[in-house]
Amino acid sequence: KKQIKNYLKENSIRAISQIDVTNYIIATEESGWFKLNTSENTIKPIALKNKGKSFIPVSTRNIFKEDNIIWSNSEASILRVDTKTLNTKTYNHKPANCLARPNDSTIVYGTTNYMLMQFNTKTKTHKPLFKTDSLDIIDIEILKNNCLIKSDNSCGKYDFDYKLDSFNNHKESLESDKEIKEVAQPIWDNLVKSSNIKDY
């Protein structure tokens, strides 16, 4: 009979990313990142650095590994980590509630009452996609060339082929798109039960 072992019980865990067969990065809300080795059952803090000083990421929401580079976020910054040196670079803009990566040069992130944003990892630049100034974007999922967006009381679809400037413009396309409804079924079920739906 296998026993369940708990790690970081005193911390709020925000993201988990597998590095290799036995190692994982565990990101916490306020205590930084840890490396979990499942074969040795050990967990150790990752000593990240920024400009020569100790750096503790806060509110990490996702982790994307690319060769010897990790892309993530910390508070109001997109975060780049060199896994060999553990040196970091930060690219400040707005706090990210959630992140997704549709391709190797793009990170899409949601914000609170601001914009759906895009960060280009090649040019290191932030770019607004469209306004979400009345929404708290809490989750993003990339499906083919579409971005599914979940807020506290709504769900929408952003098609990267079109630069629509309003979240509400997606209502008709989402209602007629069976594939999107199927993928977002748990979200959809909760939405249709709500009496105060404004967006779909």
C-alpha atoms as a PDB file:
ATOM      1  CA  LYS A   1       0.000   0.000   0.000  1.00  0.00           C
ATOM      2  CA  LYS A   2       1.507   3.301  -1.103  1.00  0.00           C
ATOM      3  CA  GLN A   3       1.732   6.162   1.340  1.00  0.00           C
ATOM      4  CA  ILE A   4       1.028   9.747   0.354  1.00  0.00           C
ATOM      5  CA  LYS A   5       3.821  12.178   1.165  1.00  0.00           C
ATOM      6  CA  ASN A   6       3.092  15.885   1.532  1.00  0.00           C
ATOM      7  CA  TYR A   7       5.506  18.675   0.679  1.00  0.00           C
ATOM      8  CA  LEU A   8       5.399  22.405   1.440  1.00  0.00           C
ATOM      9  CA  LYS A   9       2.286  22.029   3.572  1.00  0.00           C
ATOM     10  CA  GLU A  10       2.650  25.556   4.950  1.00  0.00           C
ATOM     11  CA  ASN A  11       2.753  27.144   1.479  1.00  0.00           C
ATOM     12  CA  SER A  12       0.216  28.005  -1.210  1.00  0.00           C
ATOM     13  CA  ILE A  13       1.326  26.187  -4.359  1.00  0.00           C
ATOM     14  CA  ARG A  14       0.644  28.090  -7.593  1.00  0.00           C
ATOM     15  CA  ALA A  15       2.402  26.093 -10.342  1.00  0.00           C
ATOM     16  CA  ILE A  16       4.164  22.752 -10.882  1.00  0.00           C
ATOM     17  CA  SER A  17       6.392  21.992 -13.858  1.00  0.00           C
ATOM     18  CA  GLN A  18       8.263  18.782 -14.660  1.00  0.00           C
ATOM     19  CA  ILE A  19      11.959  19.301 -15.485  1.00  0.00           C
ATOM     20  CA  ASP A  20      12.843  15.681 -16.234  1.00  0.00           C
ATOM     21  CA  VAL A  21      11.792  12.169 -15.175  1.00  0.00           C
ATOM     22  CA  THR A  22      12.344  12.731 -11.456  1.00  0.00           C
ATOM     23  CA  ASN A  23      12.600  16.494 -10.925  1.00  0.00           C
ATOM     24  CA  TYR A  24       9.866  19.121 -10.673  1.00  0.00           C
ATOM     25  CA  ILE A  25       9.758  22.863 -10.058  1.00  0.00           C
ATOM     26  CA  ILE A  26       7.198  23.836  -7.429  1.00  0.00           C
ATOM     27  CA  ALA A  27       6.247  27.528  -7.375  1.00  0.00           C
ATOM     28  CA  THR A  28       4.645  28.947  -4.235  1.00  0.00           C
ATOM     29  CA  GLU A  29       2.706  32.147  -3.699  1.00  0.00           C
ATOM     30  CA  GLU A  30       5.243  33.988  -1.518  1.00  0.00           C
ATOM     31  CA  SER A  31       8.104  31.605  -0.671  1.00  0.00           C
ATOM     32  CA  GLY A  32       9.715  31.263  -4.081  1.00  0.00           C
ATOM     33  CA  TRP A  33      10.476  28.145  -6.132  1.00  0.00           C
ATOM     34  CA  PHE A  34      11.524  24.676  -4.972  1.00  0.00           C
ATOM     35  CA  LYS A  35      12.953  21.633  -6.728  1.00  0.00           C
ATOM     36  CA  LEU A  36      11.303  18.324  -5.883  1.00  0.00           C
ATOM     37  CA  ASN A  37      13.202  15.102  -6.585  1.00  0.00           C
ATOM     38  CA  THR A  38      10.696  12.259  -6.524  1.00  0.00           C
ATOM     39  CA  SER A  39      13.280   9.444  -6.555  1.00  0.00           C
ATOM     40  CA  GLU A  40      15.111  10.813  -3.504  1.00  0.00           C
ATOM     41  CA  ASN A  41      12.005  12.348  -1.884  1.00  0.00           C
ATOM     42  CA  THR A  42      13.820  15.625  -1.366  1.00  0.00           C
ATOM     43  CA  ILE A  43      12.681  19.196  -1.833  1.00  0.00           C
ATOM     44  CA  LYS A  44      15.063  22.156  -1.851  1.00  0.00           C
ATOM     45  CA  PRO A  45      14.677  25.893  -2.486  1.00  0.00           C
ATOM     46  CA  ILE A  46      15.905  27.150  -5.862  1.00  0.00           C
ATOM     47  CA  ALA A  47      18.321  30.011  -5.198  1.00  0.00           C
ATOM     48  CA  LEU A  48      17.429  32.395  -8.010  1.00  0.00           C
ATOM     49  CA  LYS A  49      19.389  35.627  -8.488  1.00  0.00           C
ATOM     50  CA  ASN A  50      18.602  38.987 -10.029  1.00  0.00           C
ATOM     51  CA  LYS A  51      21.385  41.527 -10.623  1.00  0.00           C
ATOM     52  CA  GLY A  52      23.604  39.670  -8.179  1.00  0.00           C
ATOM     53  CA  LYS A  53      21.051  39.579  -5.362  1.00  0.00           C
ATOM     54  CA  SER A  54      18.785  36.839  -4.080  1.00  0.00           C
ATOM     55  CA  PHE A  55      15.461  36.782  -5.922  1.00  0.00           C
ATOM     56  CA  ILE A  56      12.204  35.192  -4.737  1.00  0.00           C
ATOM     57  CA  PRO A  57       9.421  34.982  -7.366  1.00  0.00           C
ATOM     58  CA  VAL A  58       5.962  35.877  -6.099  1.00  0.00           C
ATOM     59  CA  SER A  59       2.561  34.774  -7.442  1.00  0.00           C
ATOM     60  CA  THR A  60       3.952  32.571 -10.230  1.00  0.00           C
ATOM     61  CA  ARG A  61       1.101  31.239 -12.356  1.00  0.00           C
ATOM     62  CA  ASN A  62       2.781  29.023 -14.956  1.00  0.00           C
ATOM     63  CA  ILE A  63       6.223  27.759 -15.991  1.00  0.00           C
ATOM     64  CA  PHE A  64       7.446  27.143 -19.550  1.00  0.00           C
ATOM     65  CA  LYS A  65      10.740  25.325 -20.145  1.00  0.00           C
ATOM     66  CA  GLU A  66      12.754  26.030 -23.302  1.00  0.00           C
ATOM     67  CA  ASP A  67      16.163  24.286 -23.438  1.00  0.00           C
ATOM     68  CA  ASN A  68      18.190  26.032 -20.696  1.00  0.00           C
ATOM     69  CA  ILE A  69      15.681  28.855 -20.267  1.00  0.00           C
ATOM     70  CA  ILE A  70      12.506  28.999 -18.182  1.00  0.00           C
ATOM     71  CA  TRP A  71       9.800  31.591 -18.856  1.00  0.00           C
ATOM     72  CA  SER A  72       7.350  32.420 -16.103  1.00  0.00           C
ATOM     73  CA  ASN A  73       6.087  35.404 -14.127  1.00  0.00           C
ATOM     74  CA  SER A  74       6.568  37.118 -10.808  1.00  0.00           C
ATOM     75  CA  GLU A  75       4.044  39.736  -9.697  1.00  0.00           C
ATOM     76  CA  ALA A  76       3.984  42.413 -12.420  1.00  0.00           C
ATOM     77  CA  SER A  77       6.837  40.943 -14.461  1.00  0.00           C
ATOM     78  CA  ILE A  78       7.380  38.290 -17.077  1.00  0.00           C
ATOM     79  CA  LEU A  79      10.335  36.300 -15.767  1.00  0.00           C
ATOM     80  CA  ARG A  80      13.257  34.729 -17.664  1.00  0.00           C
ATOM     81  CA  VAL A  81      15.452  32.219 -15.804  1.00  0.00           C
ATOM     82  CA  ASP A  82      18.759  30.777 -17.010  1.00  0.00           C
ATOM     83  CA  THR A  83      18.682  27.255 -15.544  1.00  0.00           C
ATOM     84  CA  LYS A  84      22.474  26.904 -15.671  1.00  0.00           C
ATOM     85  CA  THR A  85      23.313  30.058 -13.701  1.00  0.00           C
ATOM     86  CA  LEU A  86      19.923  30.666 -12.006  1.00  0.00           C
ATOM     87  CA  ASN A  87      20.203  34.300 -13.053  1.00  0.00           C
ATOM     88  CA  THR A  88      16.890  35.997 -13.807  1.00  0.00           C
ATOM     89  CA  LYS A  89      15.672  38.913 -15.897  1.00  0.00           C
ATOM     90  CA  THR A  90      12.343  40.624 -15.348  1.00  0.00           C
ATOM     91  CA  TYR A  91      10.195  42.462 -17.893  1.00  0.00           C
ATOM     92  CA  ASN A  92       7.742  44.649 -15.991  1.00  0.00           C
ATOM     93  CA  HIS A  93       4.227  45.593 -17.054  1.00  0.00           C
ATOM     94  CA  LYS A  94       1.115  44.387 -15.188  1.00  0.00           C
ATOM     95  CA  PRO A  95       0.453  41.561 -12.709  1.00  0.00           C
ATOM     96  CA  ALA A  96      -0.427  38.333 -14.540  1.00  0.00           C
ATOM     97  CA  ASN A  97      -3.308  36.249 -13.208  1.00  0.00           C
ATOM     98  CA  CYS A  98      -2.692  33.411 -15.663  1.00  0.00           C
ATOM     99  CA  LEU A  99      -0.355  32.568 -18.533  1.00  0.00           C
ATOM    100  CA  ALA A 100      -0.456  30.381 -21.641  1.00  0.00           C
ATOM    101  CA  ARG A 101       2.044  29.808 -24.430  1.00  0.00           C
ATOM    102  CA  PRO A 102       0.578  29.342 -27.938  1.00  0.00           C
ATOM    103  CA  ASN A 103       4.030  29.098 -29.576  1.00  0.00           C
ATOM    104  CA  ASP A 104       7.737  29.337 -28.762  1.00  0.00           C
ATOM    105  CA  SER A 105       7.870  33.126 -29.065  1.00  0.00           C
ATOM    106  CA  THR A 106       4.600  34.167 -27.421  1.00  0.00           C
ATOM    107  CA  ILE A 107       3.188  34.219 -23.909  1.00  0.00           C
ATOM    108  CA  VAL A 108      -0.417  35.340 -23.482  1.00  0.00           C
ATOM    109  CA  TYR A 109      -1.427  36.531 -20.029  1.00  0.00           C
ATOM    110  CA  GLY A 110      -4.592  37.710 -18.350  1.00  0.00           C
ATOM    111  CA  THR A 111      -4.887  40.656 -15.986  1.00  0.00           C
ATOM    112  CA  THR A 112      -7.438  42.269 -13.688  1.00  0.00           C
ATOM    113  CA  ASN A 113      -9.515  45.102 -15.175  1.00  0.00           C
ATOM    114  CA  TYR A 114      -6.930  45.913 -17.841  1.00  0.00           C
ATOM    115  CA  MET A 115      -6.063  43.985 -21.032  1.00  0.00           C
ATOM    116  CA  LEU A 116      -5.481  40.536 -22.418  1.00  0.00           C
ATOM    117  CA  MET A 117      -1.736  40.859 -22.996  1.00  0.00           C
ATOM    118  CA  GLN A 118       0.896  39.251 -25.188  1.00  0.00           C
ATOM    119  CA  PHE A 119       4.634  39.033 -24.461  1.00  0.00           C
ATOM    120  CA  ASN A 120       7.117  38.260 -27.217  1.00  0.00           C
ATOM    121  CA  THR A 121      10.036  36.237 -25.817  1.00  0.00           C
ATOM    122  CA  LYS A 122      12.236  37.108 -28.818  1.00  0.00           C
ATOM    123  CA  THR A 123      11.801  40.891 -28.776  1.00  0.00           C
ATOM    124  CA  LYS A 124      11.087  41.035 -25.005  1.00  0.00           C
ATOM    125  CA  THR A 125       8.096  43.319 -25.558  1.00  0.00           C
ATOM    126  CA  HIS A 126       4.573  43.490 -24.131  1.00  0.00           C
ATOM    127  CA  LYS A 127       1.610  44.082 -26.447  1.00  0.00           C
ATOM    128  CA  PRO A 128      -2.099  44.532 -25.619  1.00  0.00           C
ATOM    129  CA  LEU A 129      -4.476  42.249 -27.518  1.00  0.00           C
ATOM    130  CA  PHE A 130      -7.765  43.788 -26.381  1.00  0.00           C
ATOM    131  CA  LYS A 131      -9.424  45.457 -23.428  1.00  0.00           C
ATOM    132  CA  THR A 132     -10.727  43.424 -20.523  1.00  0.00           C
ATOM    133  CA  ASP A 133     -11.152  46.444 -18.282  1.00  0.00           C
ATOM    134  CA  SER A 134     -14.323  45.134 -16.641  1.00  0.00           C
ATOM    135  CA  LEU A 135     -13.037  41.579 -16.159  1.00  0.00           C
ATOM    136  CA  ASP A 136     -10.805  39.632 -13.817  1.00  0.00           C
ATOM    137  CA  ILE A 137      -9.209  37.077 -16.176  1.00  0.00           C
ATOM    138  CA  ILE A 138      -8.481  33.981 -14.088  1.00  0.00           C
ATOM    139  CA  ASP A 139      -7.663  31.316 -16.675  1.00  0.00           C
ATOM    140  CA  ILE A 140      -6.473  30.993 -20.276  1.00  0.00           C
ATOM    141  CA  GLU A 141      -6.375  27.903 -22.476  1.00  0.00           C
ATOM    142  CA  ILE A 142      -4.919  27.810 -25.991  1.00  0.00           C
ATOM    143  CA  LEU A 143      -6.745  25.625 -28.532  1.00  0.00           C
ATOM    144  CA  LYS A 144      -5.325  25.598 -32.056  1.00  0.00           C
ATOM    145  CA  ASN A 145      -5.442  29.258 -33.063  1.00  0.00           C
ATOM    146  CA  ASN A 146      -7.957  30.268 -30.419  1.00  0.00           C
ATOM    147  CA  CYS A 147      -7.520  31.525 -26.895  1.00  0.00           C
ATOM    148  CA  LEU A 148     -10.226  30.541 -24.396  1.00  0.00           C
ATOM    149  CA  ILE A 149     -10.578  33.104 -21.631  1.00  0.00           C
ATOM    150  CA  LYS A 150     -12.255  32.516 -18.260  1.00  0.00           C
ATOM    151  CA  SER A 151     -13.125  35.341 -15.906  1.00  0.00           C
ATOM    152  CA  ASP A 152     -14.986  35.245 -12.610  1.00  0.00           C
ATOM    153  CA  ASN A 153     -18.391  35.226 -14.342  1.00  0.00           C
ATOM    154  CA  SER A 154     -17.801  34.780 -18.066  1.00  0.00           C
ATOM    155  CA  CYS A 155     -16.058  32.809 -20.769  1.00  0.00           C
ATOM    156  CA  GLY A 156     -14.881  33.973 -24.170  1.00  0.00           C
ATOM    157  CA  LYS A 157     -12.858  33.103 -27.233  1.00  0.00           C
ATOM    158  CA  TYR A 158     -10.145  35.214 -28.780  1.00  0.00           C
ATOM    159  CA  ASP A 159      -9.140  34.223 -32.323  1.00  0.00           C
ATOM    160  CA  PHE A 160      -5.538  35.214 -33.048  1.00  0.00           C
ATOM    161  CA  ASP A 161      -6.442  35.716 -36.727  1.00  0.00           C
ATOM    162  CA  TYR A 162      -8.607  38.710 -35.812  1.00  0.00           C
ATOM    163  CA  LYS A 163      -7.665  41.684 -33.682  1.00  0.00           C
ATOM    164  CA  LEU A 164     -11.059  42.373 -32.162  1.00  0.00           C
ATOM    165  CA  ASP A 165     -10.969  45.190 -29.643  1.00  0.00           C
ATOM    166  CA  SER A 166     -13.742  44.024 -27.352  1.00  0.00           C
ATOM    167  CA  PHE A 167     -14.314  40.876 -25.311  1.00  0.00           C
ATOM    168  CA  ASN A 168     -18.056  41.101 -26.064  1.00  0.00           C
ATOM    169  CA  ASN A 169     -17.455  40.649 -29.799  1.00  0.00           C
ATOM    170  CA  HIS A 170     -16.921  36.941 -29.209  1.00  0.00           C
ATOM    171  CA  LYS A 171     -20.409  36.174 -27.950  1.00  0.00           C
ATOM    172  CA  GLU A 172     -21.864  35.075 -31.302  1.00  0.00           C
ATOM    173  CA  SER A 173     -18.797  33.127 -32.417  1.00  0.00           C
ATOM    174  CA  LEU A 174     -18.634  31.226 -29.124  1.00  0.00           C
ATOM    175  CA  GLU A 175     -22.333  30.372 -29.170  1.00  0.00           C
ATOM    176  CA  SER A 176     -22.029  28.880 -32.674  1.00  0.00           C
ATOM    177  CA  ASP A 177     -18.710  27.093 -32.124  1.00  0.00           C
ATOM    178  CA  LYS A 178     -19.411  23.523 -30.991  1.00  0.00           C
ATOM    179  CA  GLU A 179     -15.732  22.684 -30.628  1.00  0.00           C
ATOM    180  CA  ILE A 180     -15.180  25.518 -28.194  1.00  0.00           C
ATOM    181  CA  LYS A 181     -18.258  24.577 -26.181  1.00  0.00           C
ATOM    182  CA  GLU A 182     -17.054  20.987 -25.916  1.00  0.00           C
ATOM    183  CA  VAL A 183     -13.571  21.947 -24.749  1.00  0.00           C
ATOM    184  CA  ALA A 184     -14.907  24.423 -22.211  1.00  0.00           C
ATOM    185  CA  GLN A 185     -17.827  22.234 -21.105  1.00  0.00           C
ATOM    186  CA  PRO A 186     -17.240  22.434 -17.315  1.00  0.00           C
ATOM    187  CA  ILE A 187     -17.003  26.216 -17.565  1.00  0.00           C
ATOM    188  CA  TRP A 188     -19.991  26.346 -19.899  1.00  0.00           C
ATOM    189  CA  ASP A 189     -22.133  24.269 -17.507  1.00  0.00           C
ATOM    190  CA  ASN A 190     -21.438  26.708 -14.680  1.00  0.00           C
ATOM    191  CA  LEU A 191     -22.159  29.685 -16.877  1.00  0.00           C
ATOM    192  CA  VAL A 192     -25.573  28.584 -18.109  1.00  0.00           C
ATOM    193  CA  LYS A 193     -26.711  28.053 -14.527  1.00  0.00           C
ATOM    194  CA  SER A 194     -25.851  31.629 -13.652  1.00  0.00           C
ATOM    195  CA  SER A 195     -28.546  34.270 -13.815  1.00  0.00           C
ATOM    196  CA  ASN A 196     -26.216  37.241 -14.324  1.00  0.00           C
ATOM    197  CA  ILE A 197     -24.282  36.211 -17.415  1.00  0.00           C
ATOM    198  CA  LYS A 198     -23.217  39.171 -19.519  1.00  0.00           C
ATOM    199  CA  ASP A 199     -20.549  37.537 -21.669  1.00  0.00           C
ATOM    200  CA  TYR A 200     -20.263  33.978 -23.008  1.00  0.00           C
END
